[in-house]
Amino acid sequence: MRLRVALVALAACLALAAVAALLLDWSFEKAVILSPVIVMVVGAAGFLVVLWARIVWESIRGGRQDGQG
């Protein structure tokens, strides 16, 4: 793994932990300990957003093509 990628991932993980600590009124240490869970939750939420956006997009595209053809 390249050093730059690892540093960006570390910065993103620390940023997520800091945001979670602020939003949930936790100490930063507790958020860092729970950072693997925080990263998984954010990743799963992002996956669901992309999945449903694609489903809606394909539904809209499919509806237009069915009406024309």
N, C-alpha and C. Protein backbone atom coordinates (compact mmCIF):
# COMPACT_ATOMS: atom_id res chain seq x y z
N MET A 1 0.84 -1.16 0.00
CA MET A 1 0.00 0.00 0.00
C MET A 1 0.89 1.24 0.00
N ARG A 2 0.48 2.20 -0.73
CA ARG A 2 1.29 3.42 -0.79
C ARG A 2 1.10 4.27 0.46
N LEU A 3 2.11 4.98 0.80
CA LEU A 3 2.08 5.79 2.01
C LEU A 3 1.01 6.87 1.92
N ARG A 4 0.86 7.49 0.78
CA ARG A 4 -0.13 8.56 0.62
C ARG A 4 -1.55 8.02 0.85
N VAL A 5 -1.84 6.85 0.31
CA VAL A 5 -3.16 6.25 0.49
C VAL A 5 -3.40 5.93 1.96
N ALA A 6 -2.39 5.40 2.62
CA ALA A 6 -2.52 5.07 4.03
C ALA A 6 -2.74 6.33 4.87
N LEU A 7 -2.05 7.41 4.55
CA LEU A 7 -2.22 8.66 5.29
C LEU A 7 -3.61 9.26 5.07
N VAL A 8 -4.10 9.19 3.85
CA VAL A 8 -5.45 9.70 3.56
C VAL A 8 -6.50 8.87 4.30
N ALA A 9 -6.33 7.55 4.30
CA ALA A 9 -7.27 6.68 5.02
C ALA A 9 -7.23 6.96 6.52
N LEU A 10 -6.05 7.16 7.06
CA LEU A 10 -5.91 7.48 8.48
C LEU A 10 -6.58 8.81 8.81
N ALA A 11 -6.37 9.80 7.97
CA ALA A 11 -7.00 11.11 8.18
C ALA A 11 -8.52 11.01 8.10
N ALA A 12 -9.03 10.23 7.16
CA ALA A 12 -10.48 10.06 7.03
C ALA A 12 -11.04 9.35 8.25
N CYS A 13 -10.35 8.35 8.72
CA CYS A 13 -10.79 7.60 9.90
C CYS A 13 -10.80 8.50 11.14
N LEU A 14 -9.78 9.30 11.31
CA LEU A 14 -9.74 10.22 12.45
C LEU A 14 -10.81 11.29 12.34
N ALA A 15 -11.08 11.75 11.12
CA ALA A 15 -12.14 12.74 10.93
C ALA A 15 -13.51 12.14 11.27
N LEU A 16 -13.75 10.90 10.85
CA LEU A 16 -15.01 10.25 11.18
C LEU A 16 -15.15 10.06 12.69
N ALA A 17 -14.06 9.71 13.34
CA ALA A 17 -14.08 9.55 14.79
C ALA A 17 -14.35 10.88 15.48
N ALA A 18 -13.76 11.93 14.98
CA ALA A 18 -13.98 13.25 15.57
C ALA A 18 -15.43 13.70 15.39
N VAL A 19 -15.99 13.48 14.20
CA VAL A 19 -17.38 13.85 13.95
C VAL A 19 -18.32 13.03 14.83
N ALA A 20 -18.05 11.73 14.95
CA ALA A 20 -18.88 10.89 15.81
C ALA A 20 -18.78 11.33 17.26
N ALA A 21 -17.60 11.71 17.70
CA ALA A 21 -17.43 12.18 19.08
C ALA A 21 -18.23 13.45 19.33
N LEU A 22 -18.23 14.34 18.35
CA LEU A 22 -19.00 15.58 18.50
C LEU A 22 -20.50 15.33 18.47
N LEU A 23 -20.94 14.51 17.51
CA LEU A 23 -22.37 14.26 17.36
C LEU A 23 -22.96 13.46 18.51
N LEU A 24 -22.22 12.50 19.01
CA LEU A 24 -22.73 11.60 20.04
C LEU A 24 -22.30 11.99 21.45
N ASP A 25 -21.58 13.10 21.55
CA ASP A 25 -21.12 13.61 22.83
C ASP A 25 -20.26 12.59 23.57
N TRP A 26 -19.36 11.96 22.82
CA TRP A 26 -18.41 11.00 23.38
C TRP A 26 -17.06 11.68 23.55
N SER A 27 -16.19 11.05 24.31
CA SER A 27 -14.81 11.51 24.34
C SER A 27 -14.13 11.04 23.04
N PHE A 28 -13.10 11.75 22.65
CA PHE A 28 -12.41 11.39 21.41
C PHE A 28 -11.78 10.01 21.54
N GLU A 29 -11.31 9.66 22.73
CA GLU A 29 -10.69 8.35 22.95
C GLU A 29 -11.70 7.21 22.72
N LYS A 30 -12.91 7.40 23.21
CA LYS A 30 -13.95 6.39 23.00
C LYS A 30 -14.26 6.26 21.52
N ALA A 31 -14.33 7.37 20.80
CA ALA A 31 -14.61 7.33 19.36
C ALA A 31 -13.48 6.65 18.60
N VAL A 32 -12.24 6.86 19.02
CA VAL A 32 -11.11 6.21 18.36
C VAL A 32 -11.16 4.70 18.59
N ILE A 33 -11.52 4.30 19.81
CA ILE A 33 -11.63 2.87 20.09
C ILE A 33 -12.72 2.24 19.24
N LEU A 34 -13.82 2.96 19.04
CA LEU A 34 -14.94 2.45 18.25
C LEU A 34 -14.83 2.81 16.77
N SER A 35 -13.71 3.34 16.34
CA SER A 35 -13.57 3.79 14.95
C SER A 35 -13.79 2.68 13.91
N PRO A 36 -13.40 1.42 14.15
CA PRO A 36 -13.74 0.40 13.14
C PRO A 36 -15.25 0.26 12.94
N VAL A 37 -16.00 0.35 14.02
CA VAL A 37 -17.46 0.27 13.91
C VAL A 37 -18.01 1.50 13.21
N ILE A 38 -17.48 2.66 13.54
CA ILE A 38 -17.92 3.90 12.92
C ILE A 38 -17.67 3.87 11.42
N VAL A 39 -16.49 3.42 11.02
CA VAL A 39 -16.16 3.34 9.59
C VAL A 39 -17.07 2.36 8.87
N MET A 40 -17.36 1.22 9.50
CA MET A 40 -18.26 0.24 8.87
C MET A 40 -19.67 0.79 8.71
N VAL A 41 -20.15 1.50 9.71
CA VAL A 41 -21.50 2.07 9.64
C VAL A 41 -21.58 3.12 8.54
N VAL A 42 -20.58 3.99 8.46
CA VAL A 42 -20.57 5.01 7.41
C VAL A 42 -20.45 4.37 6.03
N GLY A 43 -19.63 3.35 5.92
CA GLY A 43 -19.51 2.63 4.64
C GLY A 43 -20.80 1.95 4.24
N ALA A 44 -21.47 1.32 5.19
CA ALA A 44 -22.75 0.67 4.88
C ALA A 44 -23.81 1.69 4.49
N ALA A 45 -23.84 2.82 5.18
CA ALA A 45 -24.80 3.87 4.82
C ALA A 45 -24.50 4.43 3.43
N GLY A 46 -23.23 4.62 3.13
CA GLY A 46 -22.87 5.08 1.79
C GLY A 46 -23.25 4.08 0.72
N PHE A 47 -23.05 2.80 1.01
CA PHE A 47 -23.45 1.75 0.07
C PHE A 47 -24.94 1.80 -0.19
N LEU A 48 -25.75 1.94 0.87
CA LEU A 48 -27.20 2.00 0.69
C LEU A 48 -27.63 3.21 -0.11
N VAL A 49 -26.99 4.34 0.11
CA VAL A 49 -27.32 5.55 -0.66
C VAL A 49 -27.02 5.33 -2.13
N VAL A 50 -25.86 4.78 -2.44
CA VAL A 50 -25.50 4.53 -3.84
C VAL A 50 -26.42 3.48 -4.45
N LEU A 51 -26.73 2.43 -3.72
CA LEU A 51 -27.62 1.39 -4.22
C LEU A 51 -28.99 1.95 -4.56
N TRP A 52 -29.60 2.69 -3.63
CA TRP A 52 -30.93 3.22 -3.88
C TRP A 52 -30.91 4.31 -4.94
N ALA A 53 -29.85 5.09 -5.03
CA ALA A 53 -29.76 6.09 -6.10
C ALA A 53 -29.70 5.40 -7.45
N ARG A 54 -28.98 4.30 -7.53
CA ARG A 54 -28.90 3.56 -8.79
C ARG A 54 -30.25 2.92 -9.13
N ILE A 55 -30.94 2.39 -8.14
CA ILE A 55 -32.25 1.80 -8.38
C ILE A 55 -33.22 2.86 -8.90
N VAL A 56 -33.23 4.02 -8.27
CA VAL A 56 -34.11 5.09 -8.73
C VAL A 56 -33.73 5.54 -10.13
N TRP A 57 -32.43 5.70 -10.37
CA TRP A 57 -31.97 6.13 -11.69
C TRP A 57 -32.36 5.13 -12.78
N GLU A 58 -32.14 3.86 -12.51
CA GLU A 58 -32.51 2.84 -13.49
C GLU A 58 -34.02 2.76 -13.68
N SER A 59 -34.78 2.98 -12.63
CA SER A 59 -36.23 2.99 -12.73
C SER A 59 -36.70 4.14 -13.61
N ILE A 60 -36.10 5.31 -13.43
CA ILE A 60 -36.46 6.46 -14.25
C ILE A 60 -36.07 6.22 -15.70
N ARG A 61 -34.86 5.74 -15.92
CA ARG A 61 -34.41 5.46 -17.29
C ARG A 61 -35.26 4.38 -17.95
N GLY A 62 -35.57 3.33 -17.21
CA GLY A 62 -36.37 2.24 -17.74
C GLY A 62 -37.78 2.69 -18.08
N GLY A 63 -38.34 3.55 -17.26
CA GLY A 63 -39.68 4.07 -17.52
C GLY A 63 -39.73 4.91 -18.78
N ARG A 64 -38.73 5.68 -19.04
CA ARG A 64 -38.69 6.50 -20.26
C ARG A 64 -38.50 5.63 -21.49
N GLN A 65 -37.68 4.59 -21.40
CA GLN A 65 -37.45 3.73 -22.56
C GLN A 65 -38.68 2.89 -22.87
N ASP A 66 -39.40 2.43 -21.85
CA ASP A 66 -40.60 1.64 -22.08
C ASP A 66 -41.67 2.46 -22.77
N GLY A 67 -41.77 3.73 -22.43
CA GLY A 67 -42.80 4.59 -23.03
C GLY A 67 -42.50 4.92 -24.48
N GLN A 68 -41.23 4.91 -24.87
CA GLN A 68 -40.84 5.28 -26.22
C GLN A 68 -40.85 4.07 -27.15
N GLY A 69 -40.62 2.92 -26.64
CA GLY A 69 -40.40 1.79 -27.53
C GLY A 69 -41.49 0.85 -27.53
